[in-house]
Amino acid sequence: MRVLAIDTALEACSAAVLDTVRAEIVAAESRVMARGHAEALIPMIGRVMAASRIEFNDLDRIAVTVGPGSFTGLRVGIAAARGIALAADKPAIGLTTLSGYAAPHIAADDTRSVAAVIDARHEHVYLQVFGPGGRTVVPPRLAPLREAMLAALTGSARIVGSAADLIAASWPRTQPPPALVDQRGAPDIDWIARLGAAAGDPHGPPKPLYLRPPDAQPQHARLLRR
């Protein structure tokens, strides 16, 4: 299977091509960035596809992160994935950023839990906790920082994501420390590609997973008179 993976959900703009027959990522590029994904993504995809020497029509599917993450970033990546999928007549599949964070740690050792956490600001995080075997113990949700810490509170917990340091800083001194704290601004694009290959057939086009309404709201009190 040949998979084009795209991630613009958080603090990076990334693309990669996985060829499962060759069992390797044949091309990949990632740039750390908080904004500017819309301008960077399409040229990056072009470079990655050229480096892979694989045509868009030869892809089997397109995988893209659907959130939680930046509202603007999510729309950029999903729009690109859906557009490429439509033009190449290939399926597009959505993957959560939280599963992307957790995937390498589950692959390394699936006997211990993994808490994937993304900084949602205002003392909140986006949270998902994976138990042994990679099964979901706490589904994706928006949670206060302390609640997320309690959900991750096990003696062998591994914490990964853009809020990993926040959770670790609030860890009770009376409890054994986390087994791992992996602070990352974005998931590894290689693992988004691998998850895209392993996922089942998509059911409809990918859609954003926001988990909360946008911060910006219409100013109804300042409507102009007609």
N, C-alpha and C. Protein backbone atom coordinates (compact mmCIF):
# COMPACT_ATOMS: atom_id res chain seq x y z
N MET A 1 0.84 -1.20 0.00
CA MET A 1 0.00 0.00 0.00
C MET A 1 0.88 1.25 0.00
N ARG A 2 0.46 2.23 -0.77
CA ARG A 2 1.16 3.51 -0.83
C ARG A 2 0.27 4.60 -0.26
N VAL A 3 0.79 5.28 0.75
CA VAL A 3 0.00 6.25 1.50
C VAL A 3 0.70 7.60 1.51
N LEU A 4 -0.04 8.64 1.15
CA LEU A 4 0.42 10.02 1.34
C LEU A 4 -0.17 10.51 2.65
N ALA A 5 0.67 10.90 3.58
CA ALA A 5 0.22 11.39 4.89
C ALA A 5 0.45 12.89 4.98
N ILE A 6 -0.52 13.58 5.61
CA ILE A 6 -0.48 15.04 5.73
C ILE A 6 -0.82 15.41 7.17
N ASP A 7 -0.06 16.36 7.73
CA ASP A 7 -0.37 16.86 9.07
C ASP A 7 -0.11 18.36 9.14
N THR A 8 -1.17 19.11 9.42
CA THR A 8 -1.05 20.55 9.66
C THR A 8 -1.84 20.95 10.89
N ALA A 9 -2.12 19.98 11.77
CA ALA A 9 -3.05 20.20 12.88
C ALA A 9 -2.48 21.06 13.99
N LEU A 10 -1.15 21.00 14.20
CA LEU A 10 -0.58 21.66 15.37
C LEU A 10 0.61 22.54 14.98
N GLU A 11 1.77 22.29 15.56
CA GLU A 11 2.91 23.19 15.39
C GLU A 11 3.90 22.71 14.34
N ALA A 12 3.39 22.04 13.31
CA ALA A 12 4.25 21.60 12.21
C ALA A 12 3.42 21.49 10.94
N CYS A 13 4.13 21.57 9.83
CA CYS A 13 3.55 21.28 8.52
C CYS A 13 4.35 20.11 7.98
N SER A 14 3.67 18.98 7.72
CA SER A 14 4.40 17.75 7.40
C SER A 14 3.69 16.95 6.33
N ALA A 15 4.50 16.23 5.54
CA ALA A 15 3.97 15.31 4.54
C ALA A 15 4.94 14.15 4.39
N ALA A 16 4.42 12.98 4.10
CA ALA A 16 5.26 11.80 3.93
C ALA A 16 4.57 10.81 3.02
N VAL A 17 5.36 9.97 2.37
CA VAL A 17 4.83 8.89 1.55
C VAL A 17 5.38 7.57 2.09
N LEU A 18 4.47 6.67 2.40
CA LEU A 18 4.82 5.34 2.90
C LEU A 18 4.54 4.31 1.82
N ASP A 19 5.48 3.39 1.60
CA ASP A 19 5.28 2.25 0.71
C ASP A 19 5.40 1.00 1.56
N THR A 20 4.28 0.34 1.84
CA THR A 20 4.31 -0.82 2.73
C THR A 20 4.95 -2.03 2.07
N VAL A 21 4.95 -2.09 0.76
CA VAL A 21 5.62 -3.21 0.07
C VAL A 21 7.13 -3.13 0.33
N ARG A 22 7.66 -1.92 0.28
CA ARG A 22 9.08 -1.72 0.58
C ARG A 22 9.33 -1.56 2.07
N ALA A 23 8.24 -1.49 2.84
CA ALA A 23 8.32 -1.38 4.31
C ALA A 23 9.14 -0.18 4.75
N GLU A 24 8.89 0.97 4.10
CA GLU A 24 9.64 2.16 4.49
C GLU A 24 8.93 3.44 4.07
N ILE A 25 9.28 4.52 4.77
CA ILE A 25 8.89 5.86 4.36
C ILE A 25 9.83 6.25 3.23
N VAL A 26 9.30 6.43 2.02
CA VAL A 26 10.18 6.68 0.88
C VAL A 26 10.51 8.16 0.72
N ALA A 27 9.71 9.03 1.32
CA ALA A 27 10.00 10.47 1.28
C ALA A 27 9.20 11.14 2.38
N ALA A 28 9.79 12.16 2.98
CA ALA A 28 9.10 12.89 4.05
C ALA A 28 9.74 14.26 4.23
N GLU A 29 8.92 15.19 4.69
CA GLU A 29 9.41 16.54 5.00
C GLU A 29 8.54 17.11 6.11
N SER A 30 9.16 17.80 7.04
CA SER A 30 8.43 18.41 8.15
C SER A 30 9.08 19.72 8.54
N ARG A 31 8.27 20.74 8.77
CA ARG A 31 8.76 22.04 9.20
C ARG A 31 7.98 22.48 10.43
N VAL A 32 8.70 22.90 11.46
CA VAL A 32 8.06 23.44 12.65
C VAL A 32 7.49 24.81 12.31
N MET A 33 6.20 25.01 12.56
CA MET A 33 5.58 26.31 12.31
C MET A 33 4.26 26.40 13.06
N ALA A 34 3.99 27.56 13.61
CA ALA A 34 2.74 27.80 14.32
C ALA A 34 1.67 28.32 13.39
N ARG A 35 2.07 28.96 12.29
CA ARG A 35 1.12 29.47 11.29
C ARG A 35 1.80 29.47 9.93
N GLY A 36 1.01 29.69 8.89
CA GLY A 36 1.55 29.67 7.54
C GLY A 36 1.43 28.33 6.85
N HIS A 37 0.64 27.41 7.42
CA HIS A 37 0.49 26.08 6.84
C HIS A 37 -0.10 26.13 5.42
N ALA A 38 -1.03 27.05 5.21
CA ALA A 38 -1.71 27.11 3.91
C ALA A 38 -0.73 27.39 2.78
N GLU A 39 0.24 28.25 3.06
CA GLU A 39 1.22 28.59 2.03
C GLU A 39 2.29 27.50 1.86
N ALA A 40 2.59 26.78 2.93
CA ALA A 40 3.69 25.82 2.90
C ALA A 40 3.28 24.42 2.43
N LEU A 41 2.02 24.04 2.64
CA LEU A 41 1.66 22.64 2.49
C LEU A 41 1.74 22.13 1.05
N ILE A 42 1.09 22.80 0.10
CA ILE A 42 1.03 22.27 -1.26
C ILE A 42 2.41 22.16 -1.90
N PRO A 43 3.28 23.18 -1.80
CA PRO A 43 4.64 22.98 -2.32
C PRO A 43 5.38 21.83 -1.63
N MET A 44 5.14 21.66 -0.33
CA MET A 44 5.78 20.56 0.39
C MET A 44 5.31 19.21 -0.15
N ILE A 45 4.01 19.07 -0.36
CA ILE A 45 3.48 17.82 -0.92
C ILE A 45 4.09 17.56 -2.28
N GLY A 46 4.23 18.61 -3.09
CA GLY A 46 4.83 18.44 -4.41
C GLY A 46 6.26 17.93 -4.32
N ARG A 47 7.04 18.47 -3.37
CA ARG A 47 8.43 18.02 -3.21
C ARG A 47 8.49 16.58 -2.72
N VAL A 48 7.63 16.23 -1.78
CA VAL A 48 7.63 14.88 -1.23
C VAL A 48 7.22 13.86 -2.29
N MET A 49 6.21 14.18 -3.06
CA MET A 49 5.78 13.26 -4.11
C MET A 49 6.86 13.10 -5.17
N ALA A 50 7.53 14.20 -5.52
CA ALA A 50 8.62 14.11 -6.50
C ALA A 50 9.76 13.25 -5.98
N ALA A 51 10.10 13.43 -4.70
CA ALA A 51 11.19 12.65 -4.10
C ALA A 51 10.83 11.17 -4.01
N SER A 52 9.56 10.87 -3.82
CA SER A 52 9.12 9.47 -3.70
C SER A 52 9.10 8.75 -5.05
N ARG A 53 9.03 9.54 -6.14
CA ARG A 53 8.92 9.00 -7.48
C ARG A 53 7.66 8.15 -7.64
N ILE A 54 6.62 8.57 -6.93
CA ILE A 54 5.31 7.92 -7.01
C ILE A 54 4.31 8.96 -7.51
N GLU A 55 3.50 8.58 -8.48
CA GLU A 55 2.48 9.48 -9.01
C GLU A 55 1.25 9.47 -8.09
N PHE A 56 0.51 10.57 -8.10
CA PHE A 56 -0.69 10.64 -7.28
C PHE A 56 -1.66 9.51 -7.62
N ASN A 57 -1.77 9.17 -8.89
CA ASN A 57 -2.69 8.11 -9.29
C ASN A 57 -2.26 6.74 -8.80
N ASP A 58 -0.98 6.62 -8.40
CA ASP A 58 -0.47 5.33 -7.90
C ASP A 58 -0.61 5.19 -6.38
N LEU A 59 -1.09 6.24 -5.72
CA LEU A 59 -1.35 6.15 -4.29
C LEU A 59 -2.56 5.25 -4.05
N ASP A 60 -2.60 4.65 -2.86
CA ASP A 60 -3.77 3.85 -2.48
C ASP A 60 -4.72 4.62 -1.58
N ARG A 61 -4.17 5.55 -0.80
CA ARG A 61 -5.02 6.40 0.03
C ARG A 61 -4.24 7.61 0.53
N ILE A 62 -4.98 8.59 0.98
CA ILE A 62 -4.40 9.79 1.58
C ILE A 62 -4.84 9.82 3.03
N ALA A 63 -3.90 9.99 3.95
CA ALA A 63 -4.20 10.05 5.38
C ALA A 63 -3.91 11.46 5.87
N VAL A 64 -4.78 11.98 6.74
CA VAL A 64 -4.62 13.35 7.24
C VAL A 64 -5.07 13.42 8.69
N THR A 65 -4.39 14.23 9.47
CA THR A 65 -4.81 14.45 10.85
C THR A 65 -6.03 15.35 10.87
N VAL A 66 -7.02 14.97 11.68
CA VAL A 66 -8.29 15.70 11.72
C VAL A 66 -8.51 16.43 13.04
N GLY A 67 -7.53 16.35 13.96
CA GLY A 67 -7.68 17.05 15.21
C GLY A 67 -7.66 16.09 16.40
N PRO A 68 -7.76 16.66 17.56
CA PRO A 68 -7.91 18.10 17.84
C PRO A 68 -6.62 18.87 17.53
N GLY A 69 -6.81 20.17 17.32
CA GLY A 69 -5.68 21.01 17.00
C GLY A 69 -6.14 22.41 16.62
N SER A 70 -5.31 23.10 15.86
CA SER A 70 -5.62 24.45 15.42
C SER A 70 -6.79 24.43 14.44
N PHE A 71 -7.75 25.30 14.65
CA PHE A 71 -8.92 25.34 13.77
C PHE A 71 -8.50 25.60 12.32
N THR A 72 -7.62 26.58 12.12
CA THR A 72 -7.17 26.91 10.78
C THR A 72 -6.31 25.81 10.20
N GLY A 73 -5.37 25.31 10.99
CA GLY A 73 -4.48 24.25 10.52
C GLY A 73 -5.24 23.01 10.09
N LEU A 74 -6.24 22.61 10.85
CA LEU A 74 -7.02 21.43 10.50
C LEU A 74 -7.70 21.60 9.15
N ARG A 75 -8.28 22.76 8.93
CA ARG A 75 -8.99 22.99 7.67
C ARG A 75 -8.03 22.94 6.48
N VAL A 76 -6.81 23.44 6.66
CA VAL A 76 -5.82 23.43 5.58
C VAL A 76 -5.48 22.00 5.18
N GLY A 77 -5.13 21.17 6.16
CA GLY A 77 -4.74 19.80 5.85
C GLY A 77 -5.88 18.97 5.29
N ILE A 78 -7.06 19.09 5.90
CA ILE A 78 -8.21 18.29 5.45
C ILE A 78 -8.63 18.70 4.05
N ALA A 79 -8.64 20.01 3.77
CA ALA A 79 -9.00 20.47 2.43
C ALA A 79 -8.03 19.93 1.38
N ALA A 80 -6.75 19.94 1.71
CA ALA A 80 -5.75 19.41 0.77
C ALA A 80 -5.95 17.92 0.54
N ALA A 81 -6.15 17.17 1.62
CA ALA A 81 -6.34 15.72 1.50
C ALA A 81 -7.58 15.38 0.69
N ARG A 82 -8.66 16.09 0.95
CA ARG A 82 -9.89 15.81 0.22
C ARG A 82 -9.76 16.21 -1.25
N GLY A 83 -9.06 17.30 -1.51
CA GLY A 83 -8.87 17.73 -2.89
C GLY A 83 -8.03 16.74 -3.68
N ILE A 84 -6.92 16.28 -3.09
CA ILE A 84 -6.06 15.30 -3.76
C ILE A 84 -6.82 13.99 -3.96
N ALA A 85 -7.56 13.57 -2.95
CA ALA A 85 -8.32 12.33 -3.05
C ALA A 85 -9.35 12.40 -4.18
N LEU A 86 -10.00 13.54 -4.30
CA LEU A 86 -11.00 13.72 -5.36
C LEU A 86 -10.35 13.71 -6.73
N ALA A 87 -9.24 14.45 -6.87
CA ALA A 87 -8.56 14.54 -8.16
C ALA A 87 -7.96 13.21 -8.60
N ALA A 88 -7.42 12.44 -7.64
CA ALA A 88 -6.77 11.17 -7.96
C ALA A 88 -7.73 9.99 -7.89
N ASP A 89 -8.96 10.25 -7.46
CA ASP A 89 -9.97 9.20 -7.29
C ASP A 89 -9.47 8.12 -6.33
N LYS A 90 -8.98 8.59 -5.17
CA LYS A 90 -8.48 7.71 -4.12
C LYS A 90 -9.20 8.03 -2.82
N PRO A 91 -9.30 7.09 -1.89
CA PRO A 91 -9.94 7.38 -0.60
C PRO A 91 -9.05 8.22 0.30
N ALA A 92 -9.67 9.08 1.11
CA ALA A 92 -8.96 9.84 2.14
C ALA A 92 -9.45 9.39 3.49
N ILE A 93 -8.54 9.28 4.44
CA ILE A 93 -8.89 8.79 5.77
C ILE A 93 -8.39 9.77 6.82
N GLY A 94 -9.21 10.02 7.84
CA GLY A 94 -8.84 10.93 8.91
C GLY A 94 -8.31 10.20 10.12
N LEU A 95 -7.27 10.76 10.75
CA LEU A 95 -6.66 10.18 11.94
C LEU A 95 -6.52 11.26 12.99
N THR A 96 -6.73 10.92 14.26
CA THR A 96 -6.62 11.93 15.30
C THR A 96 -5.16 12.22 15.62
N THR A 97 -4.89 13.45 15.99
CA THR A 97 -3.54 13.81 16.42
C THR A 97 -3.15 13.05 17.68
N LEU A 98 -4.12 12.77 18.54
CA LEU A 98 -3.85 12.05 19.78
C LEU A 98 -3.36 10.63 19.50
N SER A 99 -3.98 9.95 18.54
CA SER A 99 -3.52 8.60 18.19
C SER A 99 -2.15 8.67 17.53
N GLY A 100 -1.89 9.75 16.77
CA GLY A 100 -0.58 9.92 16.17
C GLY A 100 0.51 10.07 17.21
N TYR A 101 0.22 10.83 18.27
CA TYR A 101 1.17 10.97 19.37
C TYR A 101 1.44 9.63 20.06
N ALA A 102 0.39 8.86 20.28
CA ALA A 102 0.52 7.64 21.08
C ALA A 102 1.12 6.47 20.31
N ALA A 103 0.96 6.46 18.98
CA ALA A 103 1.29 5.28 18.17
C ALA A 103 2.71 4.75 18.38
N PRO A 104 3.76 5.58 18.32
CA PRO A 104 5.11 5.00 18.48
C PRO A 104 5.35 4.38 19.84
N HIS A 105 4.71 4.93 20.87
CA HIS A 105 4.91 4.39 22.22
C HIS A 105 4.15 3.09 22.41
N ILE A 106 2.97 2.99 21.80
CA ILE A 106 2.22 1.73 21.84
C ILE A 106 2.97 0.66 21.07
N ALA A 107 3.54 1.04 19.93
CA ALA A 107 4.30 0.08 19.13
C ALA A 107 5.53 -0.41 19.88
N ALA A 108 6.15 0.47 20.65
CA ALA A 108 7.36 0.10 21.40
C ALA A 108 7.04 -0.81 22.58
N ASP A 109 5.89 -0.58 23.23
CA ASP A 109 5.51 -1.37 24.41
C ASP A 109 4.02 -1.19 24.63
N ASP A 110 3.23 -2.19 24.27
CA ASP A 110 1.78 -2.06 24.40
C ASP A 110 1.24 -2.63 25.70
N THR A 111 2.14 -2.85 26.67
CA THR A 111 1.69 -3.37 27.97
C THR A 111 1.42 -2.26 28.97
N ARG A 112 1.86 -1.04 28.65
CA ARG A 112 1.68 0.08 29.57
C ARG A 112 0.81 1.16 28.93
N SER A 113 0.21 1.97 29.77
CA SER A 113 -0.70 3.00 29.28
C SER A 113 0.05 4.17 28.68
N VAL A 114 -0.64 4.90 27.82
CA VAL A 114 -0.12 6.12 27.22
C VAL A 114 -1.21 7.19 27.31
N ALA A 115 -0.84 8.34 27.84
CA ALA A 115 -1.76 9.48 27.87
C ALA A 115 -1.28 10.50 26.85
N ALA A 116 -2.09 10.75 25.82
CA ALA A 116 -1.76 11.75 24.81
C ALA A 116 -2.49 13.04 25.17
N VAL A 117 -1.76 14.14 25.26
CA VAL A 117 -2.35 15.39 25.72
C VAL A 117 -1.87 16.54 24.83
N ILE A 118 -2.81 17.41 24.47
CA ILE A 118 -2.53 18.58 23.64
C ILE A 118 -2.97 19.81 24.40
N ASP A 119 -2.12 20.81 24.43
CA ASP A 119 -2.43 22.04 25.14
C ASP A 119 -3.61 22.76 24.46
N ALA A 120 -4.73 22.89 25.19
CA ALA A 120 -5.90 23.58 24.67
C ALA A 120 -6.02 24.98 25.27
N ARG A 121 -5.03 25.38 26.08
CA ARG A 121 -4.96 26.69 26.72
C ARG A 121 -6.05 26.84 27.79
N HIS A 122 -5.94 27.92 28.55
CA HIS A 122 -6.90 28.23 29.62
C HIS A 122 -7.02 27.08 30.62
N GLU A 123 -5.86 26.45 30.96
CA GLU A 123 -5.82 25.37 31.94
C GLU A 123 -6.62 24.15 31.52
N HIS A 124 -6.72 23.92 30.21
CA HIS A 124 -7.39 22.74 29.66
C HIS A 124 -6.47 22.04 28.67
N VAL A 125 -6.72 20.76 28.47
CA VAL A 125 -5.99 19.99 27.47
C VAL A 125 -6.98 19.11 26.71
N TYR A 126 -6.59 18.72 25.50
CA TYR A 126 -7.27 17.65 24.79
C TYR A 126 -6.59 16.36 25.23
N LEU A 127 -7.38 15.37 25.58
CA LEU A 127 -6.85 14.18 26.25
C LEU A 127 -7.40 12.91 25.63
N GLN A 128 -6.54 11.91 25.51
CA GLN A 128 -6.96 10.54 25.24
C GLN A 128 -5.98 9.62 25.96
N VAL A 129 -6.52 8.63 26.67
CA VAL A 129 -5.68 7.67 27.38
C VAL A 129 -5.85 6.29 26.75
N PHE A 130 -4.71 5.68 26.42
CA PHE A 130 -4.69 4.35 25.82
C PHE A 130 -4.17 3.37 26.86
N GLY A 131 -4.86 2.25 27.01
CA GLY A 131 -4.44 1.22 27.95
C GLY A 131 -3.64 0.13 27.27
N PRO A 132 -3.39 -0.99 27.96
CA PRO A 132 -2.66 -2.11 27.37
C PRO A 132 -3.30 -2.57 26.06
N GLY A 133 -2.46 -2.89 25.10
CA GLY A 133 -2.96 -3.30 23.80
C GLY A 133 -3.41 -2.15 22.93
N GLY A 134 -3.21 -0.93 23.41
CA GLY A 134 -3.62 0.24 22.63
C GLY A 134 -5.10 0.55 22.70
N ARG A 135 -5.85 -0.14 23.55
CA ARG A 135 -7.29 0.12 23.64
C ARG A 135 -7.54 1.47 24.32
N THR A 136 -8.59 2.13 23.90
CA THR A 136 -8.91 3.44 24.46
C THR A 136 -9.55 3.28 25.84
N VAL A 137 -8.95 3.90 26.83
CA VAL A 137 -9.48 3.90 28.20
C VAL A 137 -10.28 5.17 28.44
N VAL A 138 -9.74 6.29 28.01
CA VAL A 138 -10.45 7.57 28.06
C VAL A 138 -10.52 8.10 26.63
N PRO A 139 -11.73 8.22 26.05
CA PRO A 139 -11.84 8.67 24.67
C PRO A 139 -11.45 10.14 24.52
N PRO A 140 -11.20 10.60 23.30
CA PRO A 140 -10.80 12.00 23.09
C PRO A 140 -11.80 12.97 23.71
N ARG A 141 -11.27 13.91 24.49
CA ARG A 141 -12.14 14.87 25.17
C ARG A 141 -11.34 16.10 25.56
N LEU A 142 -12.06 17.18 25.82
CA LEU A 142 -11.48 18.38 26.39
C LEU A 142 -11.62 18.29 27.90
N ALA A 143 -10.51 18.45 28.63
CA ALA A 143 -10.54 18.26 30.08
C ALA A 143 -9.72 19.32 30.78
N PRO A 144 -10.15 19.73 32.00
CA PRO A 144 -9.30 20.60 32.81
C PRO A 144 -7.97 19.92 33.10
N LEU A 145 -6.95 20.71 33.30
CA LEU A 145 -5.60 20.17 33.49
C LEU A 145 -5.54 19.16 34.62
N ARG A 146 -6.15 19.47 35.77
CA ARG A 146 -6.09 18.55 36.91
C ARG A 146 -6.83 17.25 36.60
N GLU A 147 -7.96 17.35 35.93
CA GLU A 147 -8.72 16.15 35.59
C GLU A 147 -7.92 15.25 34.65
N ALA A 148 -7.22 15.87 33.71
CA ALA A 148 -6.38 15.11 32.79
C ALA A 148 -5.24 14.43 33.52
N MET A 149 -4.65 15.13 34.49
CA MET A 149 -3.58 14.53 35.28
C MET A 149 -4.09 13.32 36.04
N LEU A 150 -5.26 13.42 36.63
CA LEU A 150 -5.82 12.30 37.38
C LEU A 150 -6.13 11.12 36.46
N ALA A 151 -6.59 11.43 35.24
CA ALA A 151 -6.89 10.36 34.29
C ALA A 151 -5.63 9.62 33.86
N ALA A 152 -4.51 10.33 33.84
CA ALA A 152 -3.24 9.73 33.43
C ALA A 152 -2.48 9.11 34.59
N LEU A 153 -3.03 9.21 35.78
CA LEU A 153 -2.30 8.87 36.99
C LEU A 153 -2.20 7.36 37.21
N THR A 154 -1.14 6.77 36.66
CA THR A 154 -0.80 5.38 36.95
C THR A 154 0.70 5.31 37.16
N GLY A 155 1.15 4.30 37.86
CA GLY A 155 2.56 4.20 38.18
C GLY A 155 3.47 4.07 36.98
N SER A 156 2.94 3.53 35.87
CA SER A 156 3.78 3.33 34.69
C SER A 156 3.33 4.19 33.52
N ALA A 157 2.65 5.29 33.81
CA ALA A 157 2.09 6.12 32.75
C ALA A 157 3.18 6.72 31.88
N ARG A 158 2.89 6.78 30.60
CA ARG A 158 3.73 7.51 29.65
C ARG A 158 2.89 8.66 29.12
N ILE A 159 3.46 9.84 29.12
CA ILE A 159 2.72 11.03 28.72
C ILE A 159 3.40 11.64 27.50
N VAL A 160 2.63 11.91 26.45
CA VAL A 160 3.19 12.44 25.22
C VAL A 160 2.27 13.52 24.67
N GLY A 161 2.86 14.53 24.04
CA GLY A 161 2.07 15.57 23.39
C GLY A 161 2.55 16.96 23.75
N SER A 162 1.86 17.95 23.23
CA SER A 162 2.27 19.33 23.45
C SER A 162 1.99 19.82 24.87
N ALA A 163 1.21 19.05 25.63
CA ALA A 163 0.94 19.40 27.03
C ALA A 163 1.58 18.41 28.00
N ALA A 164 2.52 17.60 27.52
CA ALA A 164 3.13 16.59 28.39
C ALA A 164 3.84 17.23 29.58
N ASP A 165 4.55 18.31 29.35
CA ASP A 165 5.25 18.97 30.45
C ASP A 165 4.27 19.58 31.46
N LEU A 166 3.12 20.06 30.98
CA LEU A 166 2.12 20.62 31.88
C LEU A 166 1.57 19.55 32.82
N ILE A 167 1.28 18.37 32.26
CA ILE A 167 0.78 17.27 33.09
C ILE A 167 1.84 16.83 34.07
N ALA A 168 3.07 16.71 33.61
CA ALA A 168 4.15 16.27 34.49
C ALA A 168 4.39 17.26 35.63
N ALA A 169 4.24 18.55 35.34
CA ALA A 169 4.46 19.57 36.36
C ALA A 169 3.40 19.53 37.46
N SER A 170 2.21 19.01 37.12
CA SER A 170 1.13 18.95 38.12
C SER A 170 1.06 17.59 38.79
N TRP A 171 2.01 16.70 38.50
CA TRP A 171 1.99 15.34 39.04
C TRP A 171 2.17 15.37 40.56
N PRO A 172 1.34 14.65 41.32
CA PRO A 172 1.47 14.65 42.78
C PRO A 172 2.80 14.05 43.24
N ARG A 173 3.42 14.68 44.21
CA ARG A 173 4.70 14.19 44.71
C ARG A 173 4.55 12.87 45.47
N THR A 174 3.33 12.57 45.88
CA THR A 174 3.10 11.33 46.63
C THR A 174 2.98 10.11 45.71
N GLN A 175 2.92 10.36 44.37
CA GLN A 175 2.76 9.27 43.42
C GLN A 175 4.07 9.02 42.67
N PRO A 176 4.28 7.76 42.23
CA PRO A 176 5.46 7.49 41.40
C PRO A 176 5.44 8.38 40.16
N PRO A 177 6.57 8.89 39.75
CA PRO A 177 6.60 9.79 38.59
C PRO A 177 6.24 9.05 37.31
N PRO A 178 5.83 9.76 36.28
CA PRO A 178 5.53 9.11 35.00
C PRO A 178 6.76 8.37 34.48
N ALA A 179 6.52 7.26 33.80
CA ALA A 179 7.63 6.49 33.25
C ALA A 179 8.29 7.22 32.09
N LEU A 180 7.53 8.09 31.42
CA LEU A 180 8.05 8.83 30.27
C LEU A 180 7.27 10.12 30.11
N VAL A 181 7.97 11.20 29.84
CA VAL A 181 7.35 12.48 29.49
C VAL A 181 7.95 12.92 28.16
N ASP A 182 7.16 12.88 27.11
CA ASP A 182 7.64 13.17 25.75
C ASP A 182 6.92 14.41 25.23
N GLN A 183 7.53 15.58 25.45
CA GLN A 183 6.96 16.85 25.02
C GLN A 183 7.22 17.03 23.52
N ARG A 184 6.14 17.14 22.74
CA ARG A 184 6.26 17.29 21.29
C ARG A 184 5.24 18.28 20.78
N GLY A 185 5.66 19.12 19.84
CA GLY A 185 4.73 20.10 19.28
C GLY A 185 3.78 19.52 18.27
N ALA A 186 4.11 18.37 17.70
CA ALA A 186 3.27 17.72 16.70
C ALA A 186 3.64 16.24 16.63
N PRO A 187 2.71 15.39 16.19
CA PRO A 187 3.05 13.97 16.06
C PRO A 187 4.03 13.74 14.91
N ASP A 188 4.70 12.62 14.94
CA ASP A 188 5.65 12.23 13.90
C ASP A 188 4.88 11.85 12.64
N ILE A 189 5.18 12.51 11.52
CA ILE A 189 4.44 12.26 10.28
C ILE A 189 4.63 10.82 9.80
N ASP A 190 5.76 10.20 10.11
CA ASP A 190 5.96 8.80 9.73
C ASP A 190 4.88 7.91 10.34
N TRP A 191 4.51 8.21 11.58
CA TRP A 191 3.51 7.39 12.25
C TRP A 191 2.10 7.71 11.78
N ILE A 192 1.86 8.92 11.32
CA ILE A 192 0.57 9.22 10.70
C ILE A 192 0.41 8.37 9.44
N ALA A 193 1.49 8.25 8.67
CA ALA A 193 1.45 7.42 7.47
C ALA A 193 1.21 5.96 7.82
N ARG A 194 1.88 5.46 8.86
CA ARG A 194 1.71 4.06 9.25
C ARG A 194 0.30 3.79 9.76
N LEU A 195 -0.24 4.72 10.54
CA LEU A 195 -1.61 4.57 11.00
C LEU A 195 -2.58 4.61 9.81
N GLY A 196 -2.28 5.46 8.84
CA GLY A 196 -3.12 5.53 7.65
C GLY A 196 -3.17 4.23 6.88
N ALA A 197 -2.04 3.53 6.83
CA ALA A 197 -2.00 2.23 6.15
C ALA A 197 -2.73 1.16 6.95
N ALA A 198 -2.65 1.24 8.28
CA ALA A 198 -3.23 0.20 9.13
C ALA A 198 -4.72 0.37 9.36
N ALA A 199 -5.23 1.58 9.15
CA ALA A 199 -6.64 1.85 9.44
C ALA A 199 -7.56 1.11 8.47
N GLY A 200 -8.78 0.88 8.92
CA GLY A 200 -9.78 0.26 8.07
C GLY A 200 -10.22 1.19 6.96
N ASP A 201 -11.10 0.69 6.11
CA ASP A 201 -11.58 1.52 5.01
C ASP A 201 -12.33 2.73 5.55
N PRO A 202 -12.10 3.91 4.96
CA PRO A 202 -12.78 5.12 5.44
C PRO A 202 -14.27 5.09 5.14
N HIS A 203 -15.03 5.71 6.01
CA HIS A 203 -16.48 5.83 5.82
C HIS A 203 -16.79 7.31 5.60
N GLY A 204 -16.69 7.74 4.37
CA GLY A 204 -16.91 9.15 4.05
C GLY A 204 -15.64 9.95 4.17
N PRO A 205 -15.64 11.17 3.67
CA PRO A 205 -14.43 12.01 3.69
C PRO A 205 -14.07 12.43 5.11
N PRO A 206 -12.79 12.72 5.38
CA PRO A 206 -12.39 13.14 6.72
C PRO A 206 -13.00 14.47 7.11
N LYS A 207 -13.33 14.60 8.38
CA LYS A 207 -13.94 15.83 8.91
C LYS A 207 -13.18 16.26 10.16
N PRO A 208 -13.17 17.56 10.45
CA PRO A 208 -12.43 18.04 11.63
C PRO A 208 -13.00 17.49 12.93
N LEU A 209 -12.10 17.18 13.85
CA LEU A 209 -12.47 16.80 15.22
C LEU A 209 -12.06 17.96 16.11
N TYR A 210 -13.01 18.84 16.43
CA TYR A 210 -12.68 20.06 17.15
C TYR A 210 -12.70 19.87 18.67
N LEU A 211 -13.69 19.15 19.21
CA LEU A 211 -13.88 18.90 20.65
C LEU A 211 -14.33 20.13 21.44
N ARG A 212 -14.28 21.30 20.84
CA ARG A 212 -14.82 22.49 21.50
C ARG A 212 -15.11 23.54 20.44
N PRO A 213 -16.02 24.49 20.73
CA PRO A 213 -16.31 25.55 19.76
C PRO A 213 -15.13 26.51 19.64
N PRO A 214 -15.05 27.25 18.55
CA PRO A 214 -13.95 28.21 18.38
C PRO A 214 -14.01 29.31 19.42
N ASP A 215 -12.81 29.87 19.74
CA ASP A 215 -12.76 30.98 20.69
C ASP A 215 -13.40 32.23 20.13
N ALA A 216 -13.23 32.45 18.83
CA ALA A 216 -13.79 33.66 18.21
C ALA A 216 -15.28 33.48 18.00
N GLN A 217 -16.06 34.43 18.45
CA GLN A 217 -17.51 34.39 18.34
C GLN A 217 -18.01 35.69 17.70
N PRO A 218 -19.13 35.62 16.95
CA PRO A 218 -19.68 36.85 16.37
C PRO A 218 -20.05 37.85 17.46
N GLN A 219 -19.81 39.13 17.20
CA GLN A 219 -20.13 40.19 18.16
C GLN A 219 -21.54 40.70 17.88
N HIS A 220 -22.52 39.94 18.36
CA HIS A 220 -23.91 40.28 18.07
C HIS A 220 -24.30 41.64 18.65
N ALA A 221 -23.65 42.02 19.74
CA ALA A 221 -24.04 43.28 20.38
C ALA A 221 -23.60 44.49 19.56
N ARG A 222 -22.76 44.29 18.58
CA ARG A 222 -22.25 45.41 17.80
C ARG A 222 -22.72 45.38 16.34
N LEU A 223 -23.83 44.72 16.10
CA LEU A 223 -24.37 44.69 14.76
C LEU A 223 -24.74 46.09 14.31
N LEU A 224 -24.42 46.40 13.07
CA LEU A 224 -24.72 47.72 12.54
C LEU A 224 -26.19 47.79 12.12
N ARG A 225 -26.77 48.96 12.32
CA ARG A 225 -28.14 49.16 11.87
C ARG A 225 -28.21 49.22 10.36
N ARG A 226 -29.27 48.67 9.82
CA ARG A 226 -29.43 48.73 8.37
C ARG A 226 -30.21 49.98 7.97
